[in-house]
Amino acid sequence: MSGFLWGKKKTDAVPSTGEGIQKLRETEELLGKKTEFLEKQIQDQMRIARSKAGKDKRAALNALKRKKRLEKQLAQIDGTLSTIEFQREALENANTNTEVLKNMGYAAKALKNAQSLGVEDVDDLMADIQEEMEKANEISQAISEPTGYGADIDEDDLLAELEELEQEEFDEKMLDVEVPELPEAPTEPIKDKKKEKSEDDDLRELEAWAT
């Protein structure tokens, strides 16, 4: 009734897959804590039933009844957790598929844009590139060729002139070399030492014979 009085009834915003996954995870965590609590309660009731068995039959039966109720709740929670887990996995797969399809769409658009040039446009572009490369090669060759001063000089003449300069330098060095003075030749005749020794031996032999 209030919806008609105050205008159009507001509709809840549709949550995204990411938000739905997060909510399911929070619910799983909550039910997990509830499961741990129920398991502890079941163990407590089982201890009570064992301790009262044979002593207090009514207390033991009540503990077993509470244990059964707790086990039933635990089974319901386990079933709920399985359903939530299945739903969360379905949402995660859907979210993954959505992202994959979105990225594939972007890639398809990019590929279409990259292939916007026709075959003729590509041929013209390659021809222009080839022409510019040929021009660049011609310019490089023209720059590397010697022109103007020094272009008509014969390299053989330069080598011959260089050899003459090297010979002149060698001659000048030879003129600067000092020749050592030779010792003077002896004026007296050189005595033969072997002959003198032979004569001395003869004299000694003669003197020995005379005595």
C-alpha atoms as a PDB file:
ATOM      1  CA  MET A   1       0.000   0.000   0.000  1.00  0.00           C
ATOM      2  CA  SER A   2       2.764   2.409   0.888  1.00  0.00           C
ATOM      3  CA  GLY A   3       4.372   1.693  -2.488  1.00  0.00           C
ATOM      4  CA  PHE A   4       1.376   3.144  -4.270  1.00  0.00           C
ATOM      5  CA  LEU A   5       1.233   6.131  -1.903  1.00  0.00           C
ATOM      6  CA  TRP A   6       4.872   7.151  -2.172  1.00  0.00           C
ATOM      7  CA  GLY A   7       5.395   6.319  -5.817  1.00  0.00           C
ATOM      8  CA  LYS A   8       6.881   3.423  -7.709  1.00  0.00           C
ATOM      9  CA  LYS A   9       8.294   0.662  -5.561  1.00  0.00           C
ATOM     10  CA  LYS A  10      12.091   0.624  -5.542  1.00  0.00           C
ATOM     11  CA  THR A  11      13.763  -2.425  -6.967  1.00  0.00           C
ATOM     12  CA  ASP A  12      16.942  -3.806  -5.452  1.00  0.00           C
ATOM     13  CA  ALA A  13      20.078  -3.310  -7.505  1.00  0.00           C
ATOM     14  CA  VAL A  14      21.275  -6.463  -9.191  1.00  0.00           C
ATOM     15  CA  PRO A  15      24.521  -7.545  -7.490  1.00  0.00           C
ATOM     16  CA  SER A  16      27.546  -8.359  -9.569  1.00  0.00           C
ATOM     17  CA  THR A  17      28.985 -11.841  -9.719  1.00  0.00           C
ATOM     18  CA  GLY A  18      31.900 -10.686  -7.566  1.00  0.00           C
ATOM     19  CA  GLU A  19      29.549  -9.412  -4.865  1.00  0.00           C
ATOM     20  CA  GLY A  20      27.528 -12.623  -4.990  1.00  0.00           C
ATOM     21  CA  ILE A  21      30.687 -14.720  -4.614  1.00  0.00           C
ATOM     22  CA  GLN A  22      31.804 -12.639  -1.632  1.00  0.00           C
ATOM     23  CA  LYS A  23      28.429 -13.015   0.096  1.00  0.00           C
ATOM     24  CA  LEU A  24      28.455 -16.766  -0.396  1.00  0.00           C
ATOM     25  CA  ARG A  25      31.964 -17.003   1.039  1.00  0.00           C
ATOM     26  CA  GLU A  26      30.860 -15.048   4.120  1.00  0.00           C
ATOM     27  CA  THR A  27      27.909 -17.418   4.538  1.00  0.00           C
ATOM     28  CA  GLU A  28      30.216 -20.434   4.208  1.00  0.00           C
ATOM     29  CA  GLU A  29      32.471 -19.021   6.912  1.00  0.00           C
ATOM     30  CA  LEU A  30      29.500 -18.416   9.226  1.00  0.00           C
ATOM     31  CA  LEU A  31      28.128 -21.923   8.727  1.00  0.00           C
ATOM     32  CA  GLY A  32      31.592 -23.362   9.256  1.00  0.00           C
ATOM     33  CA  LYS A  33      31.789 -21.758  12.674  1.00  0.00           C
ATOM     34  CA  LYS A  34      28.279 -23.040  13.434  1.00  0.00           C
ATOM     35  CA  THR A  35      29.395 -26.540  12.443  1.00  0.00           C
ATOM     36  CA  GLU A  36      32.354 -26.420  14.819  1.00  0.00           C
ATOM     37  CA  PHE A  37      30.054 -25.290  17.648  1.00  0.00           C
ATOM     38  CA  LEU A  38      27.535 -28.081  17.022  1.00  0.00           C
ATOM     39  CA  GLU A  39      30.252 -30.728  16.876  1.00  0.00           C
ATOM     40  CA  LYS A  40      31.552 -29.590  20.245  1.00  0.00           C
ATOM     41  CA  GLN A  41      28.008 -29.677  21.699  1.00  0.00           C
ATOM     42  CA  ILE A  42      27.469 -33.187  20.386  1.00  0.00           C
ATOM     43  CA  GLN A  43      30.689 -34.359  22.009  1.00  0.00           C
ATOM     44  CA  ASP A  44      29.639 -32.750  25.317  1.00  0.00           C
ATOM     45  CA  GLN A  45      26.218 -34.444  25.278  1.00  0.00           C
ATOM     46  CA  MET A  46      27.881 -37.754  24.477  1.00  0.00           C
ATOM     47  CA  ARG A  47      30.155 -37.414  27.521  1.00  0.00           C
ATOM     48  CA  ILE A  48      27.182 -36.586  29.710  1.00  0.00           C
ATOM     49  CA  ALA A  49      25.239 -39.618  28.466  1.00  0.00           C
ATOM     50  CA  ARG A  50      28.184 -41.890  29.152  1.00  0.00           C
ATOM     51  CA  SER A  51      28.785 -40.485  32.608  1.00  0.00           C
ATOM     52  CA  LYS A  52      25.086 -40.829  33.555  1.00  0.00           C
ATOM     53  CA  ALA A  53      24.592 -44.277  32.093  1.00  0.00           C
ATOM     54  CA  GLY A  54      23.842 -46.721  34.895  1.00  0.00           C
ATOM     55  CA  LYS A  55      23.507 -43.884  37.437  1.00  0.00           C
ATOM     56  CA  ASP A  56      20.828 -41.504  36.185  1.00  0.00           C
ATOM     57  CA  LYS A  57      18.832 -43.044  33.366  1.00  0.00           C
ATOM     58  CA  ARG A  58      16.647 -39.966  32.737  1.00  0.00           C
ATOM     59  CA  ALA A  59      19.642 -37.610  32.505  1.00  0.00           C
ATOM     60  CA  ALA A  60      21.397 -40.001  30.162  1.00  0.00           C
ATOM     61  CA  LEU A  61      18.301 -40.212  27.906  1.00  0.00           C
ATOM     62  CA  ASN A  62      17.926 -36.412  27.818  1.00  0.00           C
ATOM     63  CA  ALA A  63      21.572 -36.028  26.841  1.00  0.00           C
ATOM     64  CA  LEU A  64      21.114 -38.515  24.001  1.00  0.00           C
ATOM     65  CA  LYS A  65      17.965 -36.654  22.818  1.00  0.00           C
ATOM     66  CA  ARG A  66      19.878 -33.352  22.751  1.00  0.00           C
ATOM     67  CA  LYS A  67      22.699 -35.083  20.862  1.00  0.00           C
ATOM     68  CA  LYS A  68      20.229 -36.325  18.235  1.00  0.00           C
ATOM     69  CA  ARG A  69      18.748 -32.836  17.755  1.00  0.00           C
ATOM     70  CA  LEU A  70      22.218 -31.374  17.407  1.00  0.00           C
ATOM     71  CA  GLU A  71      23.206 -34.044  14.893  1.00  0.00           C
ATOM     72  CA  LYS A  72      20.087 -33.242  12.849  1.00  0.00           C
ATOM     73  CA  GLN A  73      21.003 -29.536  12.817  1.00  0.00           C
ATOM     74  CA  LEU A  74      24.548 -30.461  11.819  1.00  0.00           C
ATOM     75  CA  ALA A  75      23.291 -32.557   8.914  1.00  0.00           C
ATOM     76  CA  GLN A  76      21.094 -29.663   7.725  1.00  0.00           C
ATOM     77  CA  ILE A  77      24.051 -27.280   7.855  1.00  0.00           C
ATOM     78  CA  ASP A  78      26.209 -29.740   5.924  1.00  0.00           C
ATOM     79  CA  GLY A  79      23.552 -29.877   3.221  1.00  0.00           C
ATOM     80  CA  THR A  80      23.304 -26.100   3.140  1.00  0.00           C
ATOM     81  CA  LEU A  81      27.076 -25.784   2.868  1.00  0.00           C
ATOM     82  CA  SER A  82      27.124 -28.172  -0.084  1.00  0.00           C
ATOM     83  CA  THR A  83      24.445 -26.124  -1.854  1.00  0.00           C
ATOM     84  CA  ILE A  84      26.239 -22.843  -1.167  1.00  0.00           C
ATOM     85  CA  GLU A  85      29.554 -24.284  -2.302  1.00  0.00           C
ATOM     86  CA  PHE A  86      27.953 -25.483  -5.545  1.00  0.00           C
ATOM     87  CA  GLN A  87      26.354 -22.078  -6.102  1.00  0.00           C
ATOM     88  CA  ARG A  88      29.616 -20.252  -5.395  1.00  0.00           C
ATOM     89  CA  GLU A  89      31.539 -22.428  -7.835  1.00  0.00           C
ATOM     90  CA  ALA A  90      28.871 -21.798 -10.489  1.00  0.00           C
ATOM     91  CA  LEU A  91      29.169 -18.042  -9.930  1.00  0.00           C
ATOM     92  CA  GLU A  92      32.975 -18.206 -10.092  1.00  0.00           C
ATOM     93  CA  ASN A  93      32.791 -20.116 -13.371  1.00  0.00           C
ATOM     94  CA  ALA A  94      30.274 -17.647 -14.743  1.00  0.00           C
ATOM     95  CA  ASN A  95      32.456 -14.751 -13.670  1.00  0.00           C
ATOM     96  CA  THR A  96      35.487 -16.352 -15.320  1.00  0.00           C
ATOM     97  CA  ASN A  97      33.551 -16.989 -18.512  1.00  0.00           C
ATOM     98  CA  THR A  98      32.323 -13.396 -18.524  1.00  0.00           C
ATOM     99  CA  GLU A  99      35.859 -12.050 -18.209  1.00  0.00           C
ATOM    100  CA  VAL A 100      37.108 -14.421 -20.890  1.00  0.00           C
ATOM    101  CA  LEU A 101      34.367 -13.395 -23.309  1.00  0.00           C
ATOM    102  CA  LYS A 102      34.969  -9.726 -22.528  1.00  0.00           C
ATOM    103  CA  ASN A 103      38.697 -10.040 -23.208  1.00  0.00           C
ATOM    104  CA  MET A 104      38.006 -12.007 -26.377  1.00  0.00           C
ATOM    105  CA  GLY A 105      35.718  -9.198 -27.514  1.00  0.00           C
ATOM    106  CA  TYR A 106      38.464  -6.630 -26.879  1.00  0.00           C
ATOM    107  CA  ALA A 107      40.941  -8.785 -28.768  1.00  0.00           C
ATOM    108  CA  ALA A 108      38.542  -9.167 -31.694  1.00  0.00           C
ATOM    109  CA  LYS A 109      38.077  -5.398 -31.900  1.00  0.00           C
ATOM    110  CA  ALA A 110      41.834  -4.817 -31.696  1.00  0.00           C
ATOM    111  CA  LEU A 111      42.445  -7.399 -34.423  1.00  0.00           C
ATOM    112  CA  LYS A 112      39.809  -5.836 -36.629  1.00  0.00           C
ATOM    113  CA  ASN A 113      41.370  -2.417 -36.130  1.00  0.00           C
ATOM    114  CA  ALA A 114      44.855  -3.770 -36.836  1.00  0.00           C
ATOM    115  CA  GLN A 115      43.657  -5.314 -40.074  1.00  0.00           C
ATOM    116  CA  SER A 116      41.836  -2.203 -41.266  1.00  0.00           C
ATOM    117  CA  LEU A 117      44.426  -1.745 -44.040  1.00  0.00           C
ATOM    118  CA  GLY A 118      43.687  -3.560 -47.265  1.00  0.00           C
ATOM    119  CA  VAL A 119      46.121  -5.634 -49.286  1.00  0.00           C
ATOM    120  CA  GLU A 120      46.606  -2.801 -51.790  1.00  0.00           C
ATOM    121  CA  ASP A 121      47.367  -0.361 -48.972  1.00  0.00           C
ATOM    122  CA  VAL A 122      50.000  -2.734 -47.613  1.00  0.00           C
ATOM    123  CA  ASP A 123      51.585  -3.114 -51.084  1.00  0.00           C
ATOM    124  CA  ASP A 124      51.721   0.664 -51.521  1.00  0.00           C
ATOM    125  CA  LEU A 125      53.248   1.065 -48.080  1.00  0.00           C
ATOM    126  CA  MET A 126      55.947  -1.522 -48.794  1.00  0.00           C
ATOM    127  CA  ALA A 127      56.712   0.137 -52.149  1.00  0.00           C
ATOM    128  CA  ASP A 128      57.126   3.514 -50.433  1.00  0.00           C
ATOM    129  CA  ILE A 129      59.451   1.970 -47.858  1.00  0.00           C
ATOM    130  CA  GLN A 130      61.556   0.360 -50.600  1.00  0.00           C
ATOM    131  CA  GLU A 131      61.789   3.647 -52.494  1.00  0.00           C
ATOM    132  CA  GLU A 132      62.907   5.543 -49.407  1.00  0.00           C
ATOM    133  CA  MET A 133      65.552   2.900 -48.641  1.00  0.00           C
ATOM    134  CA  GLU A 134      66.957   3.202 -52.180  1.00  0.00           C
ATOM    135  CA  LYS A 135      67.142   6.985 -51.803  1.00  0.00           C
ATOM    136  CA  ALA A 136      68.950   6.622 -48.497  1.00  0.00           C
ATOM    137  CA  ASN A 137      71.487   4.231 -50.058  1.00  0.00           C
ATOM    138  CA  GLU A 138      72.151   6.655 -52.952  1.00  0.00           C
ATOM    139  CA  ILE A 139      72.704   9.504 -50.509  1.00  0.00           C
ATOM    140  CA  SER A 140      75.103   7.432 -48.403  1.00  0.00           C
ATOM    141  CA  GLN A 141      77.090   6.411 -51.486  1.00  0.00           C
ATOM    142  CA  ALA A 142      77.292  10.005 -52.724  1.00  0.00           C
ATOM    143  CA  ILE A 143      78.553  11.212 -49.362  1.00  0.00           C
ATOM    144  CA  SER A 144      81.217   8.506 -49.139  1.00  0.00           C
ATOM    145  CA  GLU A 145      82.756   9.283 -52.578  1.00  0.00           C
ATOM    146  CA  PRO A 146      85.689  11.804 -52.484  1.00  0.00           C
ATOM    147  CA  THR A 147      84.946  15.071 -54.283  1.00  0.00           C
ATOM    148  CA  GLY A 148      86.707  18.427 -54.698  1.00  0.00           C
ATOM    149  CA  TYR A 149      90.216  18.891 -53.267  1.00  0.00           C
ATOM    150  CA  GLY A 150      92.382  15.784 -53.425  1.00  0.00           C
ATOM    151  CA  ALA A 151      90.112  13.779 -55.691  1.00  0.00           C
ATOM    152  CA  ASP A 152      92.603  13.775 -58.638  1.00  0.00           C
ATOM    153  CA  ILE A 153      95.758  12.835 -56.660  1.00  0.00           C
ATOM    154  CA  ASP A 154      97.560   9.672 -57.812  1.00  0.00           C
ATOM    155  CA  GLU A 155      98.230   7.376 -54.878  1.00  0.00           C
ATOM    156  CA  ASP A 156     101.278   5.816 -56.635  1.00  0.00           C
ATOM    157  CA  ASP A 157     102.937   9.239 -56.824  1.00  0.00           C
ATOM    158  CA  LEU A 158     102.357   9.703 -53.124  1.00  0.00           C
ATOM    159  CA  LEU A 159     103.980   6.355 -52.337  1.00  0.00           C
ATOM    160  CA  ALA A 160     107.026   7.156 -54.518  1.00  0.00           C
ATOM    161  CA  GLU A 161     107.468  10.516 -52.809  1.00  0.00           C
ATOM    162  CA  LEU A 162     107.182   8.854 -49.432  1.00  0.00           C
ATOM    163  CA  GLU A 163     109.956   6.375 -50.342  1.00  0.00           C
ATOM    164  CA  GLU A 164     112.251   9.266 -51.382  1.00  0.00           C
ATOM    165  CA  LEU A 165     111.656  10.997 -48.046  1.00  0.00           C
ATOM    166  CA  GLU A 166     112.445   7.821 -46.147  1.00  0.00           C
ATOM    167  CA  GLN A 167     115.702   7.343 -48.159  1.00  0.00           C
ATOM    168  CA  GLU A 168     116.785  10.917 -47.469  1.00  0.00           C
ATOM    169  CA  GLU A 169     116.161  10.469 -43.775  1.00  0.00           C
ATOM    170  CA  PHE A 170     118.204   7.252 -43.800  1.00  0.00           C
ATOM    171  CA  ASP A 171     121.118   8.958 -45.585  1.00  0.00           C
ATOM    172  CA  GLU A 172     121.158  11.776 -43.073  1.00  0.00           C
ATOM    173  CA  LYS A 173     121.317   9.328 -40.214  1.00  0.00           C
ATOM    174  CA  MET A 174     124.243   7.516 -41.822  1.00  0.00           C
ATOM    175  CA  LEU A 175     126.194  10.784 -42.157  1.00  0.00           C
ATOM    176  CA  ASP A 176     125.741  11.457 -38.461  1.00  0.00           C
ATOM    177  CA  VAL A 177     127.243   8.121 -37.451  1.00  0.00           C
ATOM    178  CA  GLU A 178     130.820   8.544 -36.032  1.00  0.00           C
ATOM    179  CA  VAL A 179     133.471   6.045 -37.270  1.00  0.00           C
ATOM    180  CA  PRO A 180     135.814   4.892 -34.423  1.00  0.00           C
ATOM    181  CA  GLU A 181     139.592   5.545 -34.919  1.00  0.00           C
ATOM    182  CA  LEU A 182     141.778   2.488 -35.698  1.00  0.00           C
ATOM    183  CA  PRO A 183     144.969   1.843 -33.636  1.00  0.00           C
ATOM    184  CA  GLU A 184     148.327   2.740 -35.244  1.00  0.00           C
ATOM    185  CA  ALA A 185     150.336  -0.056 -36.878  1.00  0.00           C
ATOM    186  CA  PRO A 186     153.496  -1.161 -34.975  1.00  0.00           C
ATOM    187  CA  THR A 187     156.847   0.145 -36.427  1.00  0.00           C
ATOM    188  CA  GLU A 188     159.014  -2.644 -35.002  1.00  0.00           C
ATOM    189  CA  PRO A 189     158.842  -6.177 -36.395  1.00  0.00           C
ATOM    190  CA  ILE A 190     156.702  -8.540 -34.429  1.00  0.00           C
ATOM    191  CA  LYS A 191     158.732 -11.194 -32.726  1.00  0.00           C
ATOM    192  CA  ASP A 192     157.877 -14.802 -33.181  1.00  0.00           C
ATOM    193  CA  LYS A 193     157.386 -16.132 -29.654  1.00  0.00           C
ATOM    194  CA  LYS A 194     157.619 -19.763 -30.742  1.00  0.00           C
ATOM    195  CA  LYS A 195     160.955 -19.099 -32.507  1.00  0.00           C
ATOM    196  CA  GLU A 196     162.382 -17.271 -29.468  1.00  0.00           C
ATOM    197  CA  LYS A 197     161.428 -20.154 -27.231  1.00  0.00           C
ATOM    198  CA  SER A 198     163.098 -22.651 -29.555  1.00  0.00           C
ATOM    199  CA  GLU A 199     166.298 -20.613 -29.564  1.00  0.00           C
ATOM    200  CA  ASP A 200     166.295 -20.376 -25.773  1.00  0.00           C
ATOM    201  CA  ASP A 201     165.904 -24.127 -25.525  1.00  0.00           C
ATOM    202  CA  ASP A 202     168.851 -24.655 -27.883  1.00  0.00           C
ATOM    203  CA  LEU A 203     171.091 -22.352 -25.822  1.00  0.00           C
ATOM    204  CA  ARG A 204     170.240 -24.130 -22.622  1.00  0.00           C
ATOM    205  CA  GLU A 205     170.984 -27.498 -24.209  1.00  0.00           C
ATOM    206  CA  LEU A 206     174.338 -26.177 -25.533  1.00  0.00           C
ATOM    207  CA  GLU A 207     175.353 -24.843 -22.135  1.00  0.00           C
ATOM    208  CA  ALA A 208     174.463 -28.125 -20.513  1.00  0.00           C
ATOM    209  CA  TRP A 209     176.666 -30.037 -22.979  1.00  0.00           C
ATOM    210  CA  ALA A 210     179.580 -27.667 -22.477  1.00  0.00           C
ATOM    211  CA  THR A 211     179.547 -28.164 -18.745  1.00  0.00           C
END
